[in-house]
Amino acid sequence: MDTTTLKLRGMSCASCAKSIENAILSVPGVNECTVNFGAELATVEYYPAKTNVTVIQQAVDKAGYSAYLLQDENAITQDNDADRTFRLRELRKLQRKLTTNDDRAKFALDSNLVT
């Protein structure tokens, strides 16, 4: 039996992690799978005579996500950079929305106190 760790992409919630876990577990020859949502990792124990990493990655792709061998550092580094840039943009958008909504709430509160 072999064990591999895959770096995952595309998860946005715990339900996504469960979907990936179920997709991997549905591959014949996979004995065990644990997905860590926070670390974006899947640890997979499988029988190499029955399946391989490529088939497992294809199952993740079919479920709508991406999986890379953890040892493939070049792909992971590029993805991490892209993910980091994407997440920073999303964070800035959310911060602007929060600030705008907070300002509107203060204005509404101040207006109600004046009348």
PDB file of N, CA and C in Angstrom:
ATOM      1  N   MET A   1       0.844  -1.164   0.000  1.00  0.00           N
ATOM      2  CA  MET A   1       0.000   0.000   0.000  1.00  0.00           C
ATOM      3  C   MET A   1       0.902   1.243   0.000  1.00  0.00           C
ATOM      4  N   ASP A   2       0.522   2.249  -0.813  1.00  0.00           N
ATOM      5  CA  ASP A   2       1.258   3.506  -0.895  1.00  0.00           C
ATOM      6  C   ASP A   2       0.438   4.630  -0.286  1.00  0.00           C
ATOM      7  N   THR A   3       1.139   5.648   0.165  1.00  0.00           N
ATOM      8  CA  THR A   3       0.494   6.845   0.681  1.00  0.00           C
ATOM      9  C   THR A   3       1.088   8.047  -0.039  1.00  0.00           C
ATOM     10  N   THR A   4       0.217   8.953  -0.461  1.00  0.00           N
ATOM     11  CA  THR A   4       0.669  10.178  -1.108  1.00  0.00           C
ATOM     12  C   THR A   4      -0.093  11.364  -0.543  1.00  0.00           C
ATOM     13  N   THR A   5       0.505  12.525  -0.677  1.00  0.00           N
ATOM     14  CA  THR A   5      -0.146  13.761  -0.248  1.00  0.00           C
ATOM     15  C   THR A   5      -0.321  14.647  -1.461  1.00  0.00           C
ATOM     16  N   LEU A   6      -1.544  15.128  -1.637  1.00  0.00           N
ATOM     17  CA  LEU A   6      -1.875  15.990  -2.766  1.00  0.00           C
ATOM     18  C   LEU A   6      -2.202  17.392  -2.280  1.00  0.00           C
ATOM     19  N   LYS A   7      -1.720  18.383  -2.997  1.00  0.00           N
ATOM     20  CA  LYS A   7      -2.088  19.777  -2.737  1.00  0.00           C
ATOM     21  C   LYS A   7      -3.365  20.041  -3.521  1.00  0.00           C
ATOM     22  N   LEU A   8      -4.369  20.595  -2.861  1.00  0.00           N
ATOM     23  CA  LEU A   8      -5.676  20.796  -3.476  1.00  0.00           C
ATOM     24  C   LEU A   8      -5.907  22.265  -3.805  1.00  0.00           C
ATOM     25  N   ARG A   9      -6.686  22.506  -4.827  1.00  0.00           N
ATOM     26  CA  ARG A   9      -7.054  23.859  -5.232  1.00  0.00           C
ATOM     27  C   ARG A   9      -8.550  23.900  -5.530  1.00  0.00           C
ATOM     28  N   GLY A  10      -9.147  25.045  -5.220  1.00  0.00           N
ATOM     29  CA  GLY A  10     -10.546  25.260  -5.571  1.00  0.00           C
ATOM     30  C   GLY A  10     -11.533  25.094  -4.437  1.00  0.00           C
ATOM     31  N   MET A  11     -11.055  24.724  -3.260  1.00  0.00           N
ATOM     32  CA  MET A  11     -11.969  24.562  -2.126  1.00  0.00           C
ATOM     33  C   MET A  11     -12.302  25.927  -1.534  1.00  0.00           C
ATOM     34  N   SER A  12     -13.564  26.114  -1.174  1.00  0.00           N
ATOM     35  CA  SER A  12     -13.949  27.352  -0.515  1.00  0.00           C
ATOM     36  C   SER A  12     -14.677  27.111   0.807  1.00  0.00           C
ATOM     37  N   CYS A  13     -14.954  25.836   1.103  1.00  0.00           N
ATOM     38  CA  CYS A  13     -15.668  25.541   2.347  1.00  0.00           C
ATOM     39  C   CYS A  13     -15.439  24.077   2.742  1.00  0.00           C
ATOM     40  N   ALA A  14     -15.919  23.729   3.915  1.00  0.00           N
ATOM     41  CA  ALA A  14     -15.761  22.361   4.404  1.00  0.00           C
ATOM     42  C   ALA A  14     -16.537  21.362   3.537  1.00  0.00           C
ATOM     43  N   SER A  15     -17.618  21.823   2.945  1.00  0.00           N
ATOM     44  CA  SER A  15     -18.391  20.956   2.058  1.00  0.00           C
ATOM     45  C   SER A  15     -17.577  20.582   0.824  1.00  0.00           C
ATOM     46  N   CYS A  16     -16.776  21.524   0.340  1.00  0.00           N
ATOM     47  CA  CYS A  16     -15.875  21.239  -0.793  1.00  0.00           C
ATOM     48  C   CYS A  16     -14.888  20.139  -0.405  1.00  0.00           C
ATOM     49  N   ALA A  17     -14.346  20.249   0.796  1.00  0.00           N
ATOM     50  CA  ALA A  17     -13.386  19.253   1.279  1.00  0.00           C
ATOM     51  C   ALA A  17     -14.038  17.877   1.329  1.00  0.00           C
ATOM     52  N   LYS A  18     -15.270  17.833   1.786  1.00  0.00           N
ATOM     53  CA  LYS A  18     -15.991  16.549   1.857  1.00  0.00           C
ATOM     54  C   LYS A  18     -16.259  15.998   0.453  1.00  0.00           C
ATOM     55  N   SER A  19     -16.574  16.872  -0.493  1.00  0.00           N
ATOM     56  CA  SER A  19     -16.798  16.441  -1.879  1.00  0.00           C
ATOM     57  C   SER A  19     -15.534  15.831  -2.474  1.00  0.00           C
ATOM     58  N   ILE A  20     -14.396  16.466  -2.202  1.00  0.00           N
ATOM     59  CA  ILE A  20     -13.122  15.932  -2.703  1.00  0.00           C
ATOM     60  C   ILE A  20     -12.827  14.587  -2.057  1.00  0.00           C
ATOM     61  N   GLU A  21     -13.036  14.527  -0.757  1.00  0.00           N
ATOM     62  CA  GLU A  21     -12.799  13.270  -0.043  1.00  0.00           C
ATOM     63  C   GLU A  21     -13.650  12.152  -0.620  1.00  0.00           C
ATOM     64  N   ASN A  22     -14.920  12.424  -0.854  1.00  0.00           N
ATOM     65  CA  ASN A  22     -15.817  11.410  -1.422  1.00  0.00           C
ATOM     66  C   ASN A  22     -15.390  11.015  -2.833  1.00  0.00           C
ATOM     67  N   ALA A  23     -14.946  11.993  -3.630  1.00  0.00           N
ATOM     68  CA  ALA A  23     -14.488  11.698  -4.997  1.00  0.00           C
ATOM     69  C   ALA A  23     -13.281  10.770  -4.965  1.00  0.00           C
ATOM     70  N   ILE A  24     -12.349  11.053  -4.073  1.00  0.00           N
ATOM     71  CA  ILE A  24     -11.145  10.215  -3.975  1.00  0.00           C
ATOM     72  C   ILE A  24     -11.496   8.831  -3.459  1.00  0.00           C
ATOM     73  N   LEU A  25     -12.349   8.770  -2.454  1.00  0.00           N
ATOM     74  CA  LEU A  25     -12.740   7.471  -1.895  1.00  0.00           C
ATOM     75  C   LEU A  25     -13.519   6.618  -2.893  1.00  0.00           C
ATOM     76  N   SER A  26     -14.113   7.249  -3.903  1.00  0.00           N
ATOM     77  CA  SER A  26     -14.872   6.486  -4.901  1.00  0.00           C
ATOM     78  C   SER A  26     -13.961   5.786  -5.912  1.00  0.00           C
ATOM     79  N   VAL A  27     -12.679   6.131  -5.915  1.00  0.00           N
ATOM     80  CA  VAL A  27     -11.733   5.503  -6.845  1.00  0.00           C
ATOM     81  C   VAL A  27     -11.425   4.084  -6.357  1.00  0.00           C
ATOM     82  N   PRO A  28     -11.672   3.077  -7.197  1.00  0.00           N
ATOM     83  CA  PRO A  28     -11.333   1.714  -6.790  1.00  0.00           C
ATOM     84  C   PRO A  28      -9.831   1.603  -6.497  1.00  0.00           C
ATOM     85  N   GLY A  29      -9.516   1.036  -5.346  1.00  0.00           N
ATOM     86  CA  GLY A  29      -8.121   0.892  -4.949  1.00  0.00           C
ATOM     87  C   GLY A  29      -7.689   1.888  -3.886  1.00  0.00           C
ATOM     88  N   VAL A  30      -8.536   2.907  -3.646  1.00  0.00           N
ATOM     89  CA  VAL A  30      -8.226   3.849  -2.567  1.00  0.00           C
ATOM     90  C   VAL A  30      -8.736   3.252  -1.270  1.00  0.00           C
ATOM     91  N   ASN A  31      -7.853   3.143  -0.291  1.00  0.00           N
ATOM     92  CA  ASN A  31      -8.195   2.554   0.989  1.00  0.00           C
ATOM     93  C   ASN A  31      -8.675   3.610   1.983  1.00  0.00           C
ATOM     94  N   GLU A  32      -7.999   4.754   1.976  1.00  0.00           N
ATOM     95  CA  GLU A  32      -8.324   5.794   2.959  1.00  0.00           C
ATOM     96  C   GLU A  32      -7.968   7.157   2.385  1.00  0.00           C
ATOM     97  N   CYS A  33      -8.735   8.169   2.774  1.00  0.00           N
ATOM     98  CA  CYS A  33      -8.459   9.536   2.333  1.00  0.00           C
ATOM     99  C   CYS A  33      -8.863  10.497   3.434  1.00  0.00           C
ATOM    100  N   THR A  34      -7.977  11.443   3.703  1.00  0.00           N
ATOM    101  CA  THR A  34      -8.273  12.501   4.663  1.00  0.00           C
ATOM    102  C   THR A  34      -7.965  13.829   3.994  1.00  0.00           C
ATOM    103  N   VAL A  35      -8.941  14.738   3.971  1.00  0.00           N
ATOM    104  CA  VAL A  35      -8.755  16.057   3.387  1.00  0.00           C
ATOM    105  C   VAL A  35      -8.692  17.079   4.515  1.00  0.00           C
ATOM    106  N   ASN A  36      -7.661  17.899   4.485  1.00  0.00           N
ATOM    107  CA  ASN A  36      -7.499  18.988   5.445  1.00  0.00           C
ATOM    108  C   ASN A  36      -7.841  20.280   4.718  1.00  0.00           C
ATOM    109  N   PHE A  37      -8.998  20.853   5.036  1.00  0.00           N
ATOM    110  CA  PHE A  37      -9.473  22.056   4.353  1.00  0.00           C
ATOM    111  C   PHE A  37      -8.522  23.228   4.573  1.00  0.00           C
ATOM    112  N   GLY A  38      -8.106  23.449   5.803  1.00  0.00           N
ATOM    113  CA  GLY A  38      -7.238  24.583   6.128  1.00  0.00           C
ATOM    114  C   GLY A  38      -5.900  24.534   5.426  1.00  0.00           C
ATOM    115  N   ALA A  39      -5.304  23.360   5.353  1.00  0.00           N
ATOM    116  CA  ALA A  39      -3.990  23.201   4.714  1.00  0.00           C
ATOM    117  C   ALA A  39      -4.111  22.933   3.218  1.00  0.00           C
ATOM    118  N   GLU A  40      -5.323  22.696   2.740  1.00  0.00           N
ATOM    119  CA  GLU A  40      -5.585  22.361   1.340  1.00  0.00           C
ATOM    120  C   GLU A  40      -4.784  21.133   0.908  1.00  0.00           C
ATOM    121  N   LEU A  41      -4.823  20.095   1.752  1.00  0.00           N
ATOM    122  CA  LEU A  41      -4.085  18.864   1.485  1.00  0.00           C
ATOM    123  C   LEU A  41      -4.999  17.653   1.584  1.00  0.00           C
ATOM    124  N   ALA A  42      -4.695  16.651   0.770  1.00  0.00           N
ATOM    125  CA  ALA A  42      -5.365  15.356   0.878  1.00  0.00           C
ATOM    126  C   ALA A  42      -4.284  14.299   1.060  1.00  0.00           C
ATOM    127  N   THR A  43      -4.442  13.495   2.085  1.00  0.00           N
ATOM    128  CA  THR A  43      -3.545  12.358   2.303  1.00  0.00           C
ATOM    129  C   THR A  43      -4.317  11.116   1.878  1.00  0.00           C
ATOM    130  N   VAL A  44      -3.740  10.388   0.920  1.00  0.00           N
ATOM    131  CA  VAL A  44      -4.441   9.267   0.315  1.00  0.00           C
ATOM    132  C   VAL A  44      -3.619   8.003   0.452  1.00  0.00           C
ATOM    133  N   GLU A  45      -4.270   6.964   0.951  1.00  0.00           N
ATOM    134  CA  GLU A  45      -3.664   5.642   1.043  1.00  0.00           C
ATOM    135  C   GLU A  45      -4.342   4.770  -0.003  1.00  0.00           C
ATOM    136  N   TYR A  46      -3.534   4.171  -0.886  1.00  0.00           N
ATOM    137  CA  TYR A  46      -4.113   3.410  -1.993  1.00  0.00           C
ATOM    138  C   TYR A  46      -3.252   2.197  -2.332  1.00  0.00           C
ATOM    139  N   TYR A  47      -3.880   1.265  -3.058  1.00  0.00           N
ATOM    140  CA  TYR A  47      -3.193   0.069  -3.532  1.00  0.00           C
ATOM    141  C   TYR A  47      -2.662   0.353  -4.937  1.00  0.00           C
ATOM    142  N   PRO A  48      -1.341   0.421  -5.121  1.00  0.00           N
ATOM    143  CA  PRO A  48      -0.776   0.760  -6.434  1.00  0.00           C
ATOM    144  C   PRO A  48      -1.087  -0.266  -7.518  1.00  0.00           C
ATOM    145  N   ALA A  49      -1.449  -1.473  -7.147  1.00  0.00           N
ATOM    146  CA  ALA A  49      -1.812  -2.479  -8.144  1.00  0.00           C
ATOM    147  C   ALA A  49      -3.206  -2.208  -8.728  1.00  0.00           C
ATOM    148  N   LYS A  50      -4.005  -1.415  -8.003  1.00  0.00           N
ATOM    149  CA  LYS A  50      -5.380  -1.147  -8.433  1.00  0.00           C
ATOM    150  C   LYS A  50      -5.587   0.259  -8.982  1.00  0.00           C
ATOM    151  N   THR A  51      -4.779   1.219  -8.557  1.00  0.00           N
ATOM    152  CA  THR A  51      -4.943   2.601  -9.021  1.00  0.00           C
ATOM    153  C   THR A  51      -3.619   3.335  -8.921  1.00  0.00           C
ATOM    154  N   ASN A  52      -3.621   4.572  -9.355  1.00  0.00           N
ATOM    155  CA  ASN A  52      -2.405   5.386  -9.265  1.00  0.00           C
ATOM    156  C   ASN A  52      -2.783   6.852  -9.027  1.00  0.00           C
ATOM    157  N   VAL A  53      -1.788   7.663  -8.821  1.00  0.00           N
ATOM    158  CA  VAL A  53      -2.024   9.071  -8.486  1.00  0.00           C
ATOM    159  C   VAL A  53      -2.754   9.799  -9.608  1.00  0.00           C
ATOM    160  N   THR A  54      -2.442   9.479 -10.836  1.00  0.00           N
ATOM    161  CA  THR A  54      -3.098  10.147 -11.970  1.00  0.00           C
ATOM    162  C   THR A  54      -4.599   9.905 -11.958  1.00  0.00           C
ATOM    163  N   VAL A  55      -5.015   8.691 -11.680  1.00  0.00           N
ATOM    164  CA  VAL A  55      -6.446   8.367 -11.618  1.00  0.00           C
ATOM    165  C   VAL A  55      -7.103   9.118 -10.464  1.00  0.00           C
ATOM    166  N   ILE A  56      -6.412   9.212  -9.349  1.00  0.00           N
ATOM    167  CA  ILE A  56      -6.940   9.944  -8.194  1.00  0.00           C
ATOM    168  C   ILE A  56      -7.078  11.430  -8.533  1.00  0.00           C
ATOM    169  N   GLN A  57      -6.071  11.987  -9.190  1.00  0.00           N
ATOM    170  CA  GLN A  57      -6.138  13.395  -9.603  1.00  0.00           C
ATOM    171  C   GLN A  57      -7.294  13.623 -10.580  1.00  0.00           C
ATOM    172  N   GLN A  58      -7.515  12.688 -11.477  1.00  0.00           N
ATOM    173  CA  GLN A  58      -8.621  12.809 -12.426  1.00  0.00           C
ATOM    174  C   GLN A  58      -9.971  12.810 -11.709  1.00  0.00           C
ATOM    175  N   ALA A  59     -10.092  12.027 -10.641  1.00  0.00           N
ATOM    176  CA  ALA A  59     -11.337  12.012  -9.859  1.00  0.00           C
ATOM    177  C   ALA A  59     -11.567  13.367  -9.202  1.00  0.00           C
ATOM    178  N   VAL A  60     -10.500  13.977  -8.706  1.00  0.00           N
ATOM    179  CA  VAL A  60     -10.611  15.314  -8.098  1.00  0.00           C
ATOM    180  C   VAL A  60     -10.996  16.329  -9.174  1.00  0.00           C
ATOM    181  N   ASP A  61     -10.365  16.249 -10.338  1.00  0.00           N
ATOM    182  CA  ASP A  61     -10.693  17.152 -11.447  1.00  0.00           C
ATOM    183  C   ASP A  61     -12.160  17.013 -11.856  1.00  0.00           C
ATOM    184  N   LYS A  62     -12.626  15.767 -11.937  1.00  0.00           N
ATOM    185  CA  LYS A  62     -14.012  15.501 -12.334  1.00  0.00           C
ATOM    186  C   LYS A  62     -14.996  16.092 -11.316  1.00  0.00           C
ATOM    187  N   ALA A  63     -14.573  16.164 -10.057  1.00  0.00           N
ATOM    188  CA  ALA A  63     -15.424  16.745  -9.011  1.00  0.00           C
ATOM    189  C   ALA A  63     -15.405  18.279  -9.052  1.00  0.00           C
ATOM    190  N   GLY A  64     -14.544  18.845  -9.913  1.00  0.00           N
ATOM    191  CA  GLY A  64     -14.531  20.299 -10.063  1.00  0.00           C
ATOM    192  C   GLY A  64     -13.409  21.009  -9.329  1.00  0.00           C
ATOM    193  N   TYR A  65     -12.416  20.258  -8.900  1.00  0.00           N
ATOM    194  CA  TYR A  65     -11.294  20.831  -8.147  1.00  0.00           C
ATOM    195  C   TYR A  65      -9.990  20.414  -8.822  1.00  0.00           C
ATOM    196  N   SER A  66      -8.868  20.809  -8.245  1.00  0.00           N
ATOM    197  CA  SER A  66      -7.564  20.433  -8.782  1.00  0.00           C
ATOM    198  C   SER A  66      -6.728  19.811  -7.688  1.00  0.00           C
ATOM    199  N   ALA A  67      -5.864  18.872  -8.089  1.00  0.00           N
ATOM    200  CA  ALA A  67      -4.960  18.217  -7.142  1.00  0.00           C
ATOM    201  C   ALA A  67      -3.589  18.071  -7.786  1.00  0.00           C
ATOM    202  N   TYR A  68      -2.554  18.395  -7.023  1.00  0.00           N
ATOM    203  CA  TYR A  68      -1.176  18.297  -7.496  1.00  0.00           C
ATOM    204  C   TYR A  68      -0.379  17.488  -6.497  1.00  0.00           C
ATOM    205  N   LEU A  69       0.563  16.730  -7.003  1.00  0.00           N
ATOM    206  CA  LEU A  69       1.467  16.023  -6.102  1.00  0.00           C
ATOM    207  C   LEU A  69       2.218  17.045  -5.259  1.00  0.00           C
ATOM    208  N   LEU A  70       2.303  16.810  -3.999  1.00  0.00           N
ATOM    209  CA  LEU A  70       2.978  17.738  -3.113  1.00  0.00           C
ATOM    210  C   LEU A  70       4.441  17.893  -3.501  1.00  0.00           C
ATOM    211  N   GLN A  71       5.014  16.866  -4.082  1.00  0.00           N
ATOM    212  CA  GLN A  71       6.419  16.914  -4.473  1.00  0.00           C
ATOM    213  C   GLN A  71       6.646  17.821  -5.680  1.00  0.00           C
ATOM    214  N   ASP A  72       5.597  18.150  -6.398  1.00  0.00           N
ATOM    215  CA  ASP A  72       5.718  19.009  -7.575  1.00  0.00           C
ATOM    216  C   ASP A  72       5.752  20.466  -7.126  1.00  0.00           C
ATOM    217  N   GLU A  73       6.861  20.842  -6.510  1.00  0.00           N
ATOM    218  CA  GLU A  73       6.969  22.149  -5.867  1.00  0.00           C
ATOM    219  C   GLU A  73       6.823  23.306  -6.844  1.00  0.00           C
ATOM    220  N   ASN A  74       7.270  23.150  -8.060  1.00  0.00           N
ATOM    221  CA  ASN A  74       7.184  24.239  -9.031  1.00  0.00           C
ATOM    222  C   ASN A  74       5.727  24.605  -9.298  1.00  0.00           C
ATOM    223  N   ALA A  75       4.896  23.606  -9.554  1.00  0.00           N
ATOM    224  CA  ALA A  75       3.482  23.878  -9.813  1.00  0.00           C
ATOM    225  C   ALA A  75       2.819  24.465  -8.584  1.00  0.00           C
ATOM    226  N   ILE A  76       3.163  23.952  -7.418  1.00  0.00           N
ATOM    227  CA  ILE A  76       2.554  24.438  -6.189  1.00  0.00           C
ATOM    228  C   ILE A  76       2.959  25.877  -5.922  1.00  0.00           C
ATOM    229  N   THR A  77       4.225  26.212  -6.122  1.00  0.00           N
ATOM    230  CA  THR A  77       4.674  27.573  -5.890  1.00  0.00           C
ATOM    231  C   THR A  77       3.939  28.534  -6.800  1.00  0.00           C
ATOM    232  N   GLN A  78       3.811  28.183  -8.072  1.00  0.00           N
ATOM    233  CA  GLN A  78       3.092  29.054  -8.990  1.00  0.00           C
ATOM    234  C   GLN A  78       1.631  29.177  -8.583  1.00  0.00           C
ATOM    235  N   ASP A  79       1.012  28.080  -8.184  1.00  0.00           N
ATOM    236  CA  ASP A  79      -0.377  28.124  -7.752  1.00  0.00           C
ATOM    237  C   ASP A  79      -0.525  28.932  -6.476  1.00  0.00           C
ATOM    238  N   ASN A  80       0.406  28.748  -5.537  1.00  0.00           N
ATOM    239  CA  ASN A  80       0.334  29.514  -4.298  1.00  0.00           C
ATOM    240  C   ASN A  80       0.403  31.003  -4.578  1.00  0.00           C
ATOM    241  N   ASP A  81       1.288  31.408  -5.500  1.00  0.00           N
ATOM    242  CA  ASP A  81       1.391  32.818  -5.855  1.00  0.00           C
ATOM    243  C   ASP A  81       0.086  33.311  -6.465  1.00  0.00           C
ATOM    244  N   ALA A  82      -0.478  32.527  -7.361  1.00  0.00           N
ATOM    245  CA  ALA A  82      -1.740  32.911  -7.989  1.00  0.00           C
ATOM    246  C   ALA A  82      -2.859  32.938  -6.959  1.00  0.00           C
ATOM    247  N   ASP A  83      -2.905  31.933  -6.084  1.00  0.00           N
ATOM    248  CA  ASP A  83      -3.921  31.902  -5.029  1.00  0.00           C
ATOM    249  C   ASP A  83      -3.765  33.087  -4.086  1.00  0.00           C
ATOM    250  N   ARG A  84      -2.551  33.389  -3.734  1.00  0.00           N
ATOM    251  CA  ARG A  84      -2.297  34.501  -2.818  1.00  0.00           C
ATOM    252  C   ARG A  84      -2.776  35.811  -3.433  1.00  0.00           C
ATOM    253  N   THR A  85      -2.465  36.028  -4.709  1.00  0.00           N
ATOM    254  CA  THR A  85      -2.902  37.241  -5.394  1.00  0.00           C
ATOM    255  C   THR A  85      -4.424  37.301  -5.445  1.00  0.00           C
ATOM    256  N   PHE A  86      -5.055  36.179  -5.791  1.00  0.00           N
ATOM    257  CA  PHE A  86      -6.514  36.122  -5.858  1.00  0.00           C
ATOM    258  C   PHE A  86      -7.127  36.409  -4.496  1.00  0.00           C
ATOM    259  N   ARG A  87      -6.596  35.793  -3.456  1.00  0.00           N
ATOM    260  CA  ARG A  87      -7.143  35.978  -2.110  1.00  0.00           C
ATOM    261  C   ARG A  87      -6.950  37.403  -1.605  1.00  0.00           C
ATOM    262  N   LEU A  88      -5.821  38.009  -1.943  1.00  0.00           N
ATOM    263  CA  LEU A  88      -5.608  39.403  -1.549  1.00  0.00           C
ATOM    264  C   LEU A  88      -6.615  40.323  -2.228  1.00  0.00           C
ATOM    265  N   ARG A  89      -6.889  40.070  -3.511  1.00  0.00           N
ATOM    266  CA  ARG A  89      -7.906  40.867  -4.217  1.00  0.00           C
ATOM    267  C   ARG A  89      -9.272  40.703  -3.571  1.00  0.00           C
ATOM    268  N   GLU A  90      -9.630  39.450  -3.270  1.00  0.00           N
ATOM    269  CA  GLU A  90     -10.918  39.184  -2.634  1.00  0.00           C
ATOM    270  C   GLU A  90     -11.002  39.847  -1.257  1.00  0.00           C
ATOM    271  N   LEU A  91      -9.917  39.791  -0.510  1.00  0.00           N
ATOM    272  CA  LEU A  91      -9.885  40.419   0.811  1.00  0.00           C
ATOM    273  C   LEU A  91     -10.098  41.925   0.694  1.00  0.00           C
ATOM    274  N   ARG A  92      -9.433  42.543  -0.264  1.00  0.00           N
ATOM    275  CA  ARG A  92      -9.596  43.991  -0.463  1.00  0.00           C
ATOM    276  C   ARG A  92     -11.035  44.339  -0.827  1.00  0.00           C
ATOM    277  N   LYS A  93     -11.658  43.524  -1.701  1.00  0.00           N
ATOM    278  CA  LYS A  93     -13.054  43.754  -2.066  1.00  0.00           C
ATOM    279  C   LYS A  93     -13.957  43.674  -0.834  1.00  0.00           C
ATOM    280  N   LEU A  94     -13.732  42.648  -0.033  1.00  0.00           N
ATOM    281  CA  LEU A  94     -14.551  42.481   1.172  1.00  0.00           C
ATOM    282  C   LEU A  94     -14.336  43.616   2.165  1.00  0.00           C
ATOM    283  N   GLN A  95     -13.091  44.059   2.287  1.00  0.00           N
ATOM    284  CA  GLN A  95     -12.811  45.176   3.185  1.00  0.00           C
ATOM    285  C   GLN A  95     -13.516  46.441   2.714  1.00  0.00           C
ATOM    286  N   ARG A  96     -13.516  46.686   1.387  1.00  0.00           N
ATOM    287  CA  ARG A  96     -14.211  47.860   0.848  1.00  0.00           C
ATOM    288  C   ARG A  96     -15.712  47.762   1.106  1.00  0.00           C
ATOM    289  N   LYS A  97     -16.286  46.576   0.893  1.00  0.00           N
ATOM    290  CA  LYS A  97     -17.714  46.387   1.137  1.00  0.00           C
ATOM    291  C   LYS A  97     -18.044  46.619   2.607  1.00  0.00           C
ATOM    292  N   LEU A  98     -17.200  46.083   3.473  1.00  0.00           N
ATOM    293  CA  LEU A  98     -17.429  46.239   4.895  1.00  0.00           C
ATOM    294  C   LEU A  98     -17.355  47.703   5.289  1.00  0.00           C
ATOM    295  N   THR A  99     -16.368  48.404   4.792  1.00  0.00           N
ATOM    296  CA  THR A  99     -16.210  49.825   5.106  1.00  0.00           C
ATOM    297  C   THR A  99     -17.400  50.612   4.574  1.00  0.00           C
ATOM    298  N   THR A 100     -17.809  50.334   3.349  1.00  0.00           N
ATOM    299  CA  THR A 100     -18.935  51.036   2.745  1.00  0.00           C
ATOM    300  C   THR A 100     -20.212  50.765   3.525  1.00  0.00           C
ATOM    301  N   ASN A 101     -20.471  49.512   3.840  1.00  0.00           N
ATOM    302  CA  ASN A 101     -21.673  49.165   4.601  1.00  0.00           C
ATOM    303  C   ASN A 101     -21.619  49.740   6.004  1.00  0.00           C
ATOM    304  N   ASP A 102     -20.449  49.761   6.609  1.00  0.00           N
ATOM    305  CA  ASP A 102     -20.299  50.335   7.944  1.00  0.00           C
ATOM    306  C   ASP A 102     -20.598  51.832   7.912  1.00  0.00           C
ATOM    307  N   ASP A 103     -20.087  52.523   6.884  1.00  0.00           N
ATOM    308  CA  ASP A 103     -20.349  53.958   6.740  1.00  0.00           C
ATOM    309  C   ASP A 103     -21.830  54.226   6.534  1.00  0.00           C
ATOM    310  N   ARG A 104     -22.489  53.386   5.720  1.00  0.00           N
ATOM    311  CA  ARG A 104     -23.932  53.540   5.492  1.00  0.00           C
ATOM    312  C   ARG A 104     -24.711  53.324   6.783  1.00  0.00           C
ATOM    313  N   ALA A 105     -24.314  52.332   7.552  1.00  0.00           N
ATOM    314  CA  ALA A 105     -25.000  52.050   8.812  1.00  0.00           C
ATOM    315  C   ALA A 105     -24.831  53.212   9.783  1.00  0.00           C
ATOM    316  N   LYS A 106     -23.637  53.774   9.851  1.00  0.00           N
ATOM    317  CA  LYS A 106     -23.406  54.926  10.730  1.00  0.00           C
ATOM    318  C   LYS A 106     -24.244  56.119  10.292  1.00  0.00           C
ATOM    319  N   PHE A 107     -24.314  56.357   8.963  1.00  0.00           N
ATOM    320  CA  PHE A 107     -25.091  57.467   8.436  1.00  0.00           C
ATOM    321  C   PHE A 107     -26.563  57.282   8.782  1.00  0.00           C
ATOM    322  N   ALA A 108     -27.068  56.047   8.578  1.00  0.00           N
ATOM    323  CA  ALA A 108     -28.471  55.765   8.880  1.00  0.00           C
ATOM    324  C   ALA A 108     -28.734  55.947  10.368  1.00  0.00           C
ATOM    325  N   LEU A 109     -27.818  55.493  11.194  1.00  0.00           N
ATOM    326  CA  LEU A 109     -27.980  55.632  12.636  1.00  0.00           C
ATOM    327  C   LEU A 109     -27.966  57.101  13.035  1.00  0.00           C
ATOM    328  N   ASP A 110     -27.012  57.861  12.494  1.00  0.00           N
ATOM    329  CA  ASP A 110     -26.932  59.298  12.791  1.00  0.00           C
ATOM    330  C   ASP A 110     -28.180  60.026  12.313  1.00  0.00           C
ATOM    331  N   SER A 111     -28.681  59.643  11.137  1.00  0.00           N
ATOM    332  CA  SER A 111     -29.895  60.289  10.590  1.00  0.00           C
ATOM    333  C   SER A 111     -31.090  60.011  11.483  1.00  0.00           C
ATOM    334  N   ASN A 112     -31.204  58.812  11.986  1.00  0.00           N
ATOM    335  CA  ASN A 112     -32.320  58.463  12.863  1.00  0.00           C
ATOM    336  C   ASN A 112     -32.236  59.183  14.194  1.00  0.00           C
ATOM    337  N   LEU A 113     -31.040  59.438  14.673  1.00  0.00           N
ATOM    338  CA  LEU A 113     -30.887  60.140  15.948  1.00  0.00           C
ATOM    339  C   LEU A 113     -31.207  61.611  15.830  1.00  0.00           C
ATOM    340  N   VAL A 114     -30.996  62.184  14.643  1.00  0.00           N
ATOM    341  CA  VAL A 114     -31.224  63.592  14.427  1.00  0.00           C
ATOM    342  C   VAL A 114     -32.720  63.884  14.335  1.00  0.00           C
ATOM    343  N   THR A 115     -33.488  62.978  13.752  1.00  0.00           N
ATOM    344  CA  THR A 115     -34.916  63.247  13.541  1.00  0.00           C
ATOM    345  C   THR A 115     -35.760  62.952  14.723  1.00  0.00           C
TER     346      THR A 115
END
